Structures are given as structure tokens and as C-alpha cells.
Amino acid sequence: MGHLELLVADRAGRSVATQQYHRGALRILRPHYLDESGQVCYVLVNPGGAYLGADLFVIDVEVADGAGLLLATQSATKIYRTPGSFAEQRMRLRLGEGARLELAPDQLIAYREASYRQNTHVTVRPSSSLIMAEIVTPGWSPDGASFRYEELRLRTEIRVESGEAAGLLVLDNVLLRPSLADVTGMAFMEGYSHLGSLIVVDPRVDQELADELHGITAGYGAHTGISLTASMLGTAGLVMRSLSNSTEELRRVAGAATTLLRKRWYGQEQLDLRKY
């Protein structure tokens, strides 16, 4: 079990945490500033090492007007056996006007007989900038077989608010249940074992950007597709999905995409979080 709250605000061009709270098996390490942009980097830590059956982890993050946060994890999120129950993570993210949030977690690994539910609720303003990356992989099984986990449910809801107006921009539902493929005989992830996702929300998202992202990620070996949302209240979003048999391959795909966004929008170079 764990509960984490973090509020980041801008102070004279430098983003700082103005409120922190943690309870149970969630912590954040001391802040880092990886460049001169003023964006703060925090690393999320689970000292327990894994999620187990009936575990509930609640993460509440707010990035105030004009502030910037890069939130990473210290290691992979491991979901072990959850007999008779499931592990759950509930994440609530709120971005103010001109706020910037990048989520760059390590991969989610689901082991044999694991069930996991992840619900992410995001509220943005029309001028907010959001980049969310995620990689899902199957864990090791004693018999060496793939897809021994029971079920993964990953739901992301992104809403835009502007004054009295509000609307749903993105509703992304991913259900991975390998047993369905066994019963129906239908394809399961097109024969691939790893799933990568990148969700981007920003007023500068358009078809030209989607085409450029598709072009630079095409040479990395993963099977990648991109979908655009309709524009709403002055902003828009895109979802990039990649299939592969390699975690590193999916990391390279996500890295190429985020590097393009960082250079184009913020004039920043690629960050290798492994060196910090």
C-alpha cells in the first residue's frame, strides 16, 4: 500500500515542490535539475519492490501554472501473483496554464498469475503540455512460456478545462487478457510480447507532428501506429502505440519521439535518465 502527493510550482523561473506527502510504500528522491530550463526531476521509489494482491497505490500530482516536472521511477514496476484479487494504482494528475509534465517510468512487468488495474485521471488547461510514456512487458515464468499473467487493465482519461468549459479529450482503454486469445483463437498483440504507449497533449499537436513522429520511429523495428484526437478548447492530443519483442527497442522508439518533442518545443537535448 502507498500514497503519494506532490505539488510543484514555479518560483522565479525554477520549479520547486511546495507540498509533499507520502505514506506506506511510496517515496520520492531528492529533486534534480538536469538542465537550465528550470524543470525539476523527481524519481518515484517503491521500497517494497513490487505490487502484490490487494495492494492499492494512490499518486496525486499537481503541476501549477508555468511549472515543469519530469517524473521518473527508480526501477521497473513489478506485478507479482495476485491470487483471488488484483493490484491497483490510481493516479491523478493536474496541470495548470503553461504547465509541463513528462512521465517517464520504467517498464511495467506482469508476472505469472498477476492481475493489475491502473486508472489515470488527468486534467489539463489549453496551454498545458503533457508527455506520458509507458512500456508493458511479460515477466519470467518458470516454464519459460510467455503471457502467464492473468489480466492488465490500463485506463487513461484526459480532460481539458478552460474557465467554465470542460470536455473529454482522451479516453484510452487497454485490456490485456491472454486467456481470451487462447479461447477465441484471435490474435493477441499480433504475436508481439511488449507494448509501448506514448500519449501527448499540447496545443502544438497536429497532423504534421504526427507524420514526423511516425517517420523518425519507423526505423527502430517496432510496429508503430499513431492516432490523433479532435481539437478541443484550443488543444489536441495524440496516442502512439508500438508493438515489439524487446524492451530496449520500445525505449528507443519512445526516446526518439520525446527527443523530437523536447527539441522542437523547448530547445532541449535528449536526456539519458540512466546517468542520473
C-alpha atoms as a PDB file:
ATOM      1  CA  MET A   1       0.000   0.000   0.000  1.00  0.00           C
ATOM      2  CA  GLY A   2       1.188   3.520  -0.647  1.00  0.00           C
ATOM      3  CA  HIS A   3       0.039   7.105  -1.011  1.00  0.00           C
ATOM      4  CA  LEU A   4       1.997   9.998  -2.516  1.00  0.00           C
ATOM      5  CA  GLU A   5       1.090  13.656  -3.044  1.00  0.00           C
ATOM      6  CA  LEU A   6       3.298  16.177  -4.835  1.00  0.00           C
ATOM      7  CA  LEU A   7       2.631  19.796  -5.764  1.00  0.00           C
ATOM      8  CA  VAL A   8       5.177  21.585  -7.982  1.00  0.00           C
ATOM      9  CA  ALA A   9       5.055  25.356  -8.552  1.00  0.00           C
ATOM     10  CA  ASP A  10       7.158  27.932 -10.358  1.00  0.00           C
ATOM     11  CA  ARG A  11       9.387  30.169  -8.231  1.00  0.00           C
ATOM     12  CA  ALA A  12      11.185  32.826 -10.299  1.00  0.00           C
ATOM     13  CA  GLY A  13      11.676  30.516 -13.270  1.00  0.00           C
ATOM     14  CA  ARG A  14      12.625  27.455 -11.227  1.00  0.00           C
ATOM     15  CA  SER A  15      10.147  24.693 -10.437  1.00  0.00           C
ATOM     16  CA  VAL A  16      10.083  23.541  -6.804  1.00  0.00           C
ATOM     17  CA  ALA A  17       7.949  21.238  -4.677  1.00  0.00           C
ATOM     18  CA  THR A  18       5.713  23.326  -2.432  1.00  0.00           C
ATOM     19  CA  GLN A  19       3.924  20.328  -0.952  1.00  0.00           C
ATOM     20  CA  GLN A  20       4.998  16.717  -0.414  1.00  0.00           C
ATOM     21  CA  TYR A  21       3.282  13.880   1.411  1.00  0.00           C
ATOM     22  CA  HIS A  22       3.914  10.153   1.461  1.00  0.00           C
ATOM     23  CA  ARG A  23       2.615   7.191   3.384  1.00  0.00           C
ATOM     24  CA  GLY A  24       3.366   3.496   3.072  1.00  0.00           C
ATOM     25  CA  ALA A  25       5.453   2.078   0.237  1.00  0.00           C
ATOM     26  CA  LEU A  26       5.872   5.167  -1.928  1.00  0.00           C
ATOM     27  CA  ARG A  27       8.667   7.745  -1.730  1.00  0.00           C
ATOM     28  CA  ILE A  28      10.337  10.341  -3.926  1.00  0.00           C
ATOM     29  CA  LEU A  29      14.059  11.034  -4.012  1.00  0.00           C
ATOM     30  CA  ARG A  30      15.584  14.489  -3.722  1.00  0.00           C
ATOM     31  CA  PRO A  31      14.986  16.810  -6.688  1.00  0.00           C
ATOM     32  CA  HIS A  32      17.359  17.113  -9.639  1.00  0.00           C
ATOM     33  CA  TYR A  33      17.701  19.843 -12.253  1.00  0.00           C
ATOM     34  CA  LEU A  34      19.004  18.161 -15.382  1.00  0.00           C
ATOM     35  CA  ASP A  35      19.435  21.294 -17.492  1.00  0.00           C
ATOM     36  CA  GLU A  36      18.945  25.055 -17.337  1.00  0.00           C
ATOM     37  CA  SER A  37      15.239  25.036 -18.181  1.00  0.00           C
ATOM     38  CA  GLY A  38      14.098  25.167 -14.544  1.00  0.00           C
ATOM     39  CA  GLN A  39      12.160  21.908 -14.922  1.00  0.00           C
ATOM     40  CA  VAL A  40      12.526  19.762 -11.810  1.00  0.00           C
ATOM     41  CA  CYS A  41      13.041  15.986 -11.937  1.00  0.00           C
ATOM     42  CA  TYR A  42      11.754  13.693  -9.202  1.00  0.00           C
ATOM     43  CA  VAL A  43      12.250   9.925  -9.029  1.00  0.00           C
ATOM     44  CA  LEU A  44       9.448   7.782  -7.612  1.00  0.00           C
ATOM     45  CA  VAL A  45      10.530   4.849  -5.434  1.00  0.00           C
ATOM     46  CA  ASN A  46       8.660   1.814  -4.123  1.00  0.00           C
ATOM     47  CA  PRO A  47      10.837   0.415  -1.289  1.00  0.00           C
ATOM     48  CA  GLY A  48       8.696  -2.737  -1.241  1.00  0.00           C
ATOM     49  CA  GLY A  49       9.949  -3.618  -4.697  1.00  0.00           C
ATOM     50  CA  ALA A  50       6.668  -4.875  -6.185  1.00  0.00           C
ATOM     51  CA  TYR A  51       2.870  -4.781  -6.218  1.00  0.00           C
ATOM     52  CA  LEU A  52       1.009  -7.725  -4.686  1.00  0.00           C
ATOM     53  CA  GLY A  53      -2.608  -8.843  -4.483  1.00  0.00           C
ATOM     54  CA  ALA A  54      -4.992  -6.277  -2.918  1.00  0.00           C
ATOM     55  CA  ASP A  55      -2.271  -3.601  -2.903  1.00  0.00           C
ATOM     56  CA  LEU A  56      -3.533  -0.089  -3.629  1.00  0.00           C
ATOM     57  CA  PHE A  57      -1.178   2.733  -4.615  1.00  0.00           C
ATOM     58  CA  VAL A  58      -2.525   6.288  -4.910  1.00  0.00           C
ATOM     59  CA  ILE A  59      -0.471   9.023  -6.598  1.00  0.00           C
ATOM     60  CA  ASP A  60      -1.662  12.636  -6.718  1.00  0.00           C
ATOM     61  CA  VAL A  61       0.480  15.125  -8.646  1.00  0.00           C
ATOM     62  CA  GLU A  62      -0.234  18.774  -9.455  1.00  0.00           C
ATOM     63  CA  VAL A  63       1.941  20.993 -11.645  1.00  0.00           C
ATOM     64  CA  ALA A  64       0.896  24.600 -11.103  1.00  0.00           C
ATOM     65  CA  ASP A  65       0.803  27.411 -13.672  1.00  0.00           C
ATOM     66  CA  GLY A  66       4.095  27.803 -15.519  1.00  0.00           C
ATOM     67  CA  ALA A  67       5.890  24.993 -13.659  1.00  0.00           C
ATOM     68  CA  GLY A  68       7.656  21.957 -15.154  1.00  0.00           C
ATOM     69  CA  LEU A  69       8.069  18.428 -13.782  1.00  0.00           C
ATOM     70  CA  LEU A  70       9.784  15.300 -15.073  1.00  0.00           C
ATOM     71  CA  LEU A  71       8.615  12.306 -13.021  1.00  0.00           C
ATOM     72  CA  ALA A  72      10.582   9.077 -13.429  1.00  0.00           C
ATOM     73  CA  THR A  73      10.862   5.822 -11.476  1.00  0.00           C
ATOM     74  CA  GLN A  74      13.869   4.203  -9.855  1.00  0.00           C
ATOM     75  CA  SER A  75      13.149   0.772 -11.334  1.00  0.00           C
ATOM     76  CA  ALA A  76      10.543  -1.293 -13.122  1.00  0.00           C
ATOM     77  CA  THR A  77       7.075  -1.694 -11.621  1.00  0.00           C
ATOM     78  CA  LYS A  78       6.712  -5.418 -10.919  1.00  0.00           C
ATOM     79  CA  ILE A  79       3.322  -7.072 -10.517  1.00  0.00           C
ATOM     80  CA  TYR A  80       3.631 -10.445  -8.794  1.00  0.00           C
ATOM     81  CA  ARG A  81       0.979 -13.121  -8.256  1.00  0.00           C
ATOM     82  CA  THR A  82      -2.342 -11.733  -7.044  1.00  0.00           C
ATOM     83  CA  PRO A  83      -4.405 -14.844  -6.173  1.00  0.00           C
ATOM     84  CA  GLY A  84      -8.066 -14.032  -5.696  1.00  0.00           C
ATOM     85  CA  SER A  85      -7.560 -10.295  -6.099  1.00  0.00           C
ATOM     86  CA  PHE A  86      -5.653  -7.645  -8.086  1.00  0.00           C
ATOM     87  CA  ALA A  87      -3.132  -4.890  -7.503  1.00  0.00           C
ATOM     88  CA  GLU A  88      -4.235  -1.357  -8.330  1.00  0.00           C
ATOM     89  CA  GLN A  89      -2.682   2.033  -8.987  1.00  0.00           C
ATOM     90  CA  ARG A  90      -4.759   5.201  -9.070  1.00  0.00           C
ATOM     91  CA  MET A  91      -3.036   8.286 -10.405  1.00  0.00           C
ATOM     92  CA  ARG A  92      -4.487  11.790 -10.548  1.00  0.00           C
ATOM     93  CA  LEU A  93      -2.582  14.471 -12.474  1.00  0.00           C
ATOM     94  CA  ARG A  94      -3.493  18.157 -12.688  1.00  0.00           C
ATOM     95  CA  LEU A  95      -1.709  20.677 -14.924  1.00  0.00           C
ATOM     96  CA  GLY A  96      -2.141  24.448 -14.758  1.00  0.00           C
ATOM     97  CA  GLU A  97      -1.833  27.019 -17.528  1.00  0.00           C
ATOM     98  CA  GLY A  98       1.542  26.734 -19.247  1.00  0.00           C
ATOM     99  CA  ALA A  99       2.452  23.777 -17.014  1.00  0.00           C
ATOM    100  CA  ARG A 100       4.612  20.968 -18.344  1.00  0.00           C
ATOM    101  CA  LEU A 101       4.641  17.358 -17.163  1.00  0.00           C
ATOM    102  CA  GLU A 102       6.663  14.450 -18.510  1.00  0.00           C
ATOM    103  CA  LEU A 103       6.060  10.952 -17.148  1.00  0.00           C
ATOM    104  CA  ALA A 104       8.968   8.619 -17.897  1.00  0.00           C
ATOM    105  CA  PRO A 105       8.527   5.443 -15.826  1.00  0.00           C
ATOM    106  CA  ASP A 106      10.497   2.251 -16.259  1.00  0.00           C
ATOM    107  CA  GLN A 107       8.626  -0.696 -17.705  1.00  0.00           C
ATOM    108  CA  LEU A 108       5.654  -2.409 -16.092  1.00  0.00           C
ATOM    109  CA  ILE A 109       6.366  -6.132 -15.716  1.00  0.00           C
ATOM    110  CA  ALA A 110       3.466  -8.530 -15.121  1.00  0.00           C
ATOM    111  CA  TYR A 111       4.477 -11.947 -13.803  1.00  0.00           C
ATOM    112  CA  ARG A 112       2.659 -15.278 -13.764  1.00  0.00           C
ATOM    113  CA  GLU A 113      -0.901 -15.114 -12.343  1.00  0.00           C
ATOM    114  CA  ALA A 114      -0.763 -11.338 -11.957  1.00  0.00           C
ATOM    115  CA  SER A 115      -3.829  -9.106 -12.245  1.00  0.00           C
ATOM    116  CA  TYR A 116      -3.384  -5.337 -12.301  1.00  0.00           C
ATOM    117  CA  ARG A 117      -5.563  -2.286 -12.764  1.00  0.00           C
ATOM    118  CA  GLN A 118      -4.221   1.171 -13.468  1.00  0.00           C
ATOM    119  CA  ASN A 119      -6.502   4.201 -13.564  1.00  0.00           C
ATOM    120  CA  THR A 120      -5.003   7.547 -14.563  1.00  0.00           C
ATOM    121  CA  HIS A 121      -7.120  10.707 -14.490  1.00  0.00           C
ATOM    122  CA  VAL A 122      -5.562  13.835 -15.979  1.00  0.00           C
ATOM    123  CA  THR A 123      -6.850  17.407 -16.048  1.00  0.00           C
ATOM    124  CA  VAL A 124      -5.096  19.908 -18.322  1.00  0.00           C
ATOM    125  CA  ARG A 125      -5.567  23.516 -19.365  1.00  0.00           C
ATOM    126  CA  PRO A 126      -5.491  24.565 -23.034  1.00  0.00           C
ATOM    127  CA  SER A 127      -1.852  25.715 -22.717  1.00  0.00           C
ATOM    128  CA  SER A 128      -0.632  22.689 -20.728  1.00  0.00           C
ATOM    129  CA  SER A 129       1.940  20.266 -22.153  1.00  0.00           C
ATOM    130  CA  LEU A 130       1.812  16.574 -21.256  1.00  0.00           C
ATOM    131  CA  ILE A 131       4.022  13.667 -22.370  1.00  0.00           C
ATOM    132  CA  MET A 132       3.244  10.220 -20.885  1.00  0.00           C
ATOM    133  CA  ALA A 133       5.270   7.136 -21.792  1.00  0.00           C
ATOM    134  CA  GLU A 134       4.688   3.530 -20.755  1.00  0.00           C
ATOM    135  CA  ILE A 135       6.071   0.089 -21.628  1.00  0.00           C
ATOM    136  CA  VAL A 136       4.345  -3.180 -20.651  1.00  0.00           C
ATOM    137  CA  THR A 137       6.261  -6.466 -20.678  1.00  0.00           C
ATOM    138  CA  PRO A 138       5.535 -10.066 -19.590  1.00  0.00           C
ATOM    139  CA  GLY A 139       7.573 -11.332 -16.671  1.00  0.00           C
ATOM    140  CA  TRP A 140       9.611 -14.519 -16.403  1.00  0.00           C
ATOM    141  CA  SER A 141       7.689 -17.739 -15.938  1.00  0.00           C
ATOM    142  CA  PRO A 142       9.152 -20.994 -14.530  1.00  0.00           C
ATOM    143  CA  ASP A 143       8.159 -22.958 -17.636  1.00  0.00           C
ATOM    144  CA  GLY A 144       9.597 -20.299 -19.922  1.00  0.00           C
ATOM    145  CA  ALA A 145       6.218 -19.546 -21.525  1.00  0.00           C
ATOM    146  CA  SER A 146       5.077 -16.009 -22.328  1.00  0.00           C
ATOM    147  CA  PHE A 147       1.883 -14.242 -21.263  1.00  0.00           C
ATOM    148  CA  ARG A 148       1.346 -16.038 -17.982  1.00  0.00           C
ATOM    149  CA  TYR A 149      -0.201 -13.018 -16.318  1.00  0.00           C
ATOM    150  CA  GLU A 150      -3.977 -13.014 -15.855  1.00  0.00           C
ATOM    151  CA  GLU A 151      -5.066  -9.516 -16.817  1.00  0.00           C
ATOM    152  CA  LEU A 152      -3.895  -5.943 -17.200  1.00  0.00           C
ATOM    153  CA  ARG A 153      -6.400  -3.078 -17.338  1.00  0.00           C
ATOM    154  CA  LEU A 154      -4.870   0.314 -18.126  1.00  0.00           C
ATOM    155  CA  ARG A 155      -7.308   3.225 -18.341  1.00  0.00           C
ATOM    156  CA  THR A 156      -6.309   6.842 -19.005  1.00  0.00           C
ATOM    157  CA  GLU A 157      -8.798   9.702 -19.056  1.00  0.00           C
ATOM    158  CA  ILE A 158      -7.674  13.209 -20.001  1.00  0.00           C
ATOM    159  CA  ARG A 159      -9.988  16.195 -19.645  1.00  0.00           C
ATOM    160  CA  VAL A 160      -9.464  19.809 -20.710  1.00  0.00           C
ATOM    161  CA  GLU A 161     -10.743  22.678 -18.582  1.00  0.00           C
ATOM    162  CA  SER A 162     -10.949  26.329 -19.606  1.00  0.00           C
ATOM    163  CA  GLY A 163     -12.959  28.688 -17.434  1.00  0.00           C
ATOM    164  CA  GLU A 164     -16.468  27.249 -17.190  1.00  0.00           C
ATOM    165  CA  ALA A 165     -15.933  24.979 -20.197  1.00  0.00           C
ATOM    166  CA  ALA A 166     -14.642  21.417 -19.941  1.00  0.00           C
ATOM    167  CA  GLY A 167     -14.526  18.333 -22.115  1.00  0.00           C
ATOM    168  CA  LEU A 168     -13.102  14.857 -22.516  1.00  0.00           C
ATOM    169  CA  LEU A 169     -10.087  14.877 -24.842  1.00  0.00           C
ATOM    170  CA  VAL A 170      -8.699  11.333 -24.464  1.00  0.00           C
ATOM    171  CA  LEU A 171     -10.178   8.104 -23.171  1.00  0.00           C
ATOM    172  CA  ASP A 172      -7.630   5.321 -23.645  1.00  0.00           C
ATOM    173  CA  ASN A 173      -8.571   1.829 -22.523  1.00  0.00           C
ATOM    174  CA  VAL A 174      -6.123  -1.054 -22.779  1.00  0.00           C
ATOM    175  CA  LEU A 175      -7.195  -4.559 -21.766  1.00  0.00           C
ATOM    176  CA  LEU A 176      -4.602  -7.329 -21.985  1.00  0.00           C
ATOM    177  CA  ARG A 177      -6.049 -10.725 -21.111  1.00  0.00           C
ATOM    178  CA  PRO A 178      -4.002 -13.517 -22.740  1.00  0.00           C
ATOM    179  CA  SER A 179      -6.577 -16.196 -21.921  1.00  0.00           C
ATOM    180  CA  LEU A 180      -9.032 -14.576 -24.348  1.00  0.00           C
ATOM    181  CA  ALA A 181      -6.666 -15.328 -27.208  1.00  0.00           C
ATOM    182  CA  ASP A 182      -6.478 -18.963 -26.102  1.00  0.00           C
ATOM    183  CA  VAL A 183     -10.279 -19.286 -26.084  1.00  0.00           C
ATOM    184  CA  THR A 184     -11.193 -17.335 -29.205  1.00  0.00           C
ATOM    185  CA  GLY A 185      -8.155 -18.158 -31.332  1.00  0.00           C
ATOM    186  CA  MET A 186      -7.867 -14.487 -32.233  1.00  0.00           C
ATOM    187  CA  ALA A 187      -4.517 -12.705 -32.473  1.00  0.00           C
ATOM    188  CA  PHE A 188      -3.075 -11.377 -29.215  1.00  0.00           C
ATOM    189  CA  MET A 189      -0.901  -8.282 -29.698  1.00  0.00           C
ATOM    190  CA  GLU A 190      -0.221  -9.501 -33.248  1.00  0.00           C
ATOM    191  CA  GLY A 191       2.233 -12.048 -31.889  1.00  0.00           C
ATOM    192  CA  TYR A 192       4.400  -9.482 -30.078  1.00  0.00           C
ATOM    193  CA  SER A 193       5.178  -9.663 -26.365  1.00  0.00           C
ATOM    194  CA  HIS A 194       5.807  -5.985 -25.438  1.00  0.00           C
ATOM    195  CA  LEU A 195       3.554  -2.946 -25.699  1.00  0.00           C
ATOM    196  CA  GLY A 196       4.720   0.674 -25.723  1.00  0.00           C
ATOM    197  CA  SER A 197       2.461   3.721 -25.420  1.00  0.00           C
ATOM    198  CA  LEU A 198       3.112   7.448 -25.698  1.00  0.00           C
ATOM    199  CA  ILE A 199       0.341   9.971 -25.035  1.00  0.00           C
ATOM    200  CA  VAL A 200       0.983  13.627 -25.869  1.00  0.00           C
ATOM    201  CA  VAL A 201      -1.319  16.589 -25.174  1.00  0.00           C
ATOM    202  CA  ASP A 202      -0.277  20.065 -26.260  1.00  0.00           C
ATOM    203  CA  PRO A 203      -1.765  22.926 -28.313  1.00  0.00           C
ATOM    204  CA  ARG A 204       1.012  22.306 -30.885  1.00  0.00           C
ATOM    205  CA  VAL A 205      -0.094  18.742 -31.662  1.00  0.00           C
ATOM    206  CA  ASP A 206      -1.220  18.422 -35.277  1.00  0.00           C
ATOM    207  CA  GLN A 207      -1.078  16.086 -38.275  1.00  0.00           C
ATOM    208  CA  GLU A 208       2.343  17.393 -39.320  1.00  0.00           C
ATOM    209  CA  LEU A 209       3.782  16.452 -35.927  1.00  0.00           C
ATOM    210  CA  ALA A 210       2.157  13.011 -36.074  1.00  0.00           C
ATOM    211  CA  ASP A 211       3.659  12.405 -39.519  1.00  0.00           C
ATOM    212  CA  GLU A 212       7.110  13.476 -38.323  1.00  0.00           C
ATOM    213  CA  LEU A 213       6.909  11.220 -35.262  1.00  0.00           C
ATOM    214  CA  HIS A 214       5.878   8.309 -37.441  1.00  0.00           C
ATOM    215  CA  GLY A 215       8.796   8.971 -39.768  1.00  0.00           C
ATOM    216  CA  ILE A 216      11.505   9.063 -37.094  1.00  0.00           C
ATOM    217  CA  THR A 217      10.211   5.987 -35.238  1.00  0.00           C
ATOM    218  CA  ALA A 218       9.790   3.827 -38.334  1.00  0.00           C
ATOM    219  CA  GLY A 219      13.414   2.689 -38.373  1.00  0.00           C
ATOM    220  CA  TYR A 220      13.540   1.140 -34.898  1.00  0.00           C
ATOM    221  CA  GLY A 221      11.988  -2.231 -35.701  1.00  0.00           C
ATOM    222  CA  ALA A 222       8.811  -1.880 -33.649  1.00  0.00           C
ATOM    223  CA  HIS A 223       5.390  -1.909 -35.258  1.00  0.00           C
ATOM    224  CA  THR A 224       4.093   1.615 -34.540  1.00  0.00           C
ATOM    225  CA  GLY A 225       0.832   3.452 -35.180  1.00  0.00           C
ATOM    226  CA  ILE A 226      -0.295   6.979 -34.241  1.00  0.00           C
ATOM    227  CA  SER A 227      -3.817   8.338 -33.692  1.00  0.00           C
ATOM    228  CA  LEU A 228      -4.791  11.993 -33.335  1.00  0.00           C
ATOM    229  CA  THR A 229      -7.628  13.307 -31.180  1.00  0.00           C
ATOM    230  CA  ALA A 230     -10.017  16.023 -32.278  1.00  0.00           C
ATOM    231  CA  SER A 231      -9.061  19.523 -31.168  1.00  0.00           C
ATOM    232  CA  MET A 232     -10.816  20.703 -28.013  1.00  0.00           C
ATOM    233  CA  LEU A 233     -10.730  24.105 -26.294  1.00  0.00           C
ATOM    234  CA  GLY A 234      -7.545  25.043 -28.149  1.00  0.00           C
ATOM    235  CA  THR A 235      -5.512  21.906 -27.538  1.00  0.00           C
ATOM    236  CA  ALA A 236      -5.172  18.424 -29.029  1.00  0.00           C
ATOM    237  CA  GLY A 237      -3.598  15.056 -28.321  1.00  0.00           C
ATOM    238  CA  LEU A 238      -2.070  12.020 -29.947  1.00  0.00           C
ATOM    239  CA  VAL A 239      -1.572   8.408 -28.928  1.00  0.00           C
ATOM    240  CA  MET A 240       1.387   6.439 -30.275  1.00  0.00           C
ATOM    241  CA  ARG A 241       1.281   2.670 -29.801  1.00  0.00           C
ATOM    242  CA  SER A 242       4.211   0.347 -30.510  1.00  0.00           C
ATOM    243  CA  LEU A 243       4.498  -3.453 -30.508  1.00  0.00           C
ATOM    244  CA  SER A 244       7.799  -5.272 -30.149  1.00  0.00           C
ATOM    245  CA  ASN A 245       9.553  -8.227 -28.546  1.00  0.00           C
ATOM    246  CA  SER A 246      12.144  -6.025 -26.858  1.00  0.00           C
ATOM    247  CA  THR A 247      12.001  -3.517 -24.014  1.00  0.00           C
ATOM    248  CA  GLU A 248      15.090  -1.727 -25.310  1.00  0.00           C
ATOM    249  CA  GLU A 249      13.558  -1.399 -28.753  1.00  0.00           C
ATOM    250  CA  LEU A 250      10.483   0.265 -27.288  1.00  0.00           C
ATOM    251  CA  ARG A 251      12.685   2.542 -25.177  1.00  0.00           C
ATOM    252  CA  ARG A 252      14.461   3.681 -28.322  1.00  0.00           C
ATOM    253  CA  VAL A 253      11.145   4.388 -30.029  1.00  0.00           C
ATOM    254  CA  ALA A 254       9.847   6.429 -27.076  1.00  0.00           C
ATOM    255  CA  GLY A 255      13.238   8.138 -26.711  1.00  0.00           C
ATOM    256  CA  ALA A 256      13.287   9.214 -30.343  1.00  0.00           C
ATOM    257  CA  ALA A 257       9.764  10.638 -30.050  1.00  0.00           C
ATOM    258  CA  THR A 258      10.361  12.521 -26.800  1.00  0.00           C
ATOM    259  CA  THR A 259      13.689  13.856 -28.064  1.00  0.00           C
ATOM    260  CA  LEU A 260      11.919  15.354 -31.060  1.00  0.00           C
ATOM    261  CA  LEU A 261       9.318  16.982 -28.815  1.00  0.00           C
ATOM    262  CA  ARG A 262      11.893  18.330 -26.356  1.00  0.00           C
ATOM    263  CA  LYS A 263      13.991  19.866 -29.142  1.00  0.00           C
ATOM    264  CA  ARG A 264      11.089  21.315 -31.088  1.00  0.00           C
ATOM    265  CA  TRP A 265       9.122  22.720 -28.173  1.00  0.00           C
ATOM    266  CA  TYR A 266      11.743  23.533 -25.538  1.00  0.00           C
ATOM    267  CA  GLY A 267      15.106  23.643 -27.320  1.00  0.00           C
ATOM    268  CA  GLN A 268      16.390  20.861 -25.038  1.00  0.00           C
ATOM    269  CA  GLU A 269      18.604  17.916 -25.865  1.00  0.00           C
ATOM    270  CA  GLN A 270      17.838  14.261 -25.288  1.00  0.00           C
ATOM    271  CA  LEU A 271      18.031  13.168 -21.651  1.00  0.00           C
ATOM    272  CA  ASP A 272      19.502   9.833 -20.621  1.00  0.00           C
ATOM    273  CA  LEU A 273      17.933   9.284 -17.219  1.00  0.00           C
ATOM    274  CA  ARG A 274      20.171   6.255 -16.625  1.00  0.00           C
ATOM    275  CA  LYS A 275      23.123   8.522 -15.862  1.00  0.00           C
ATOM    276  CA  TYR A 276      21.430  10.435 -13.029  1.00  0.00           C
END
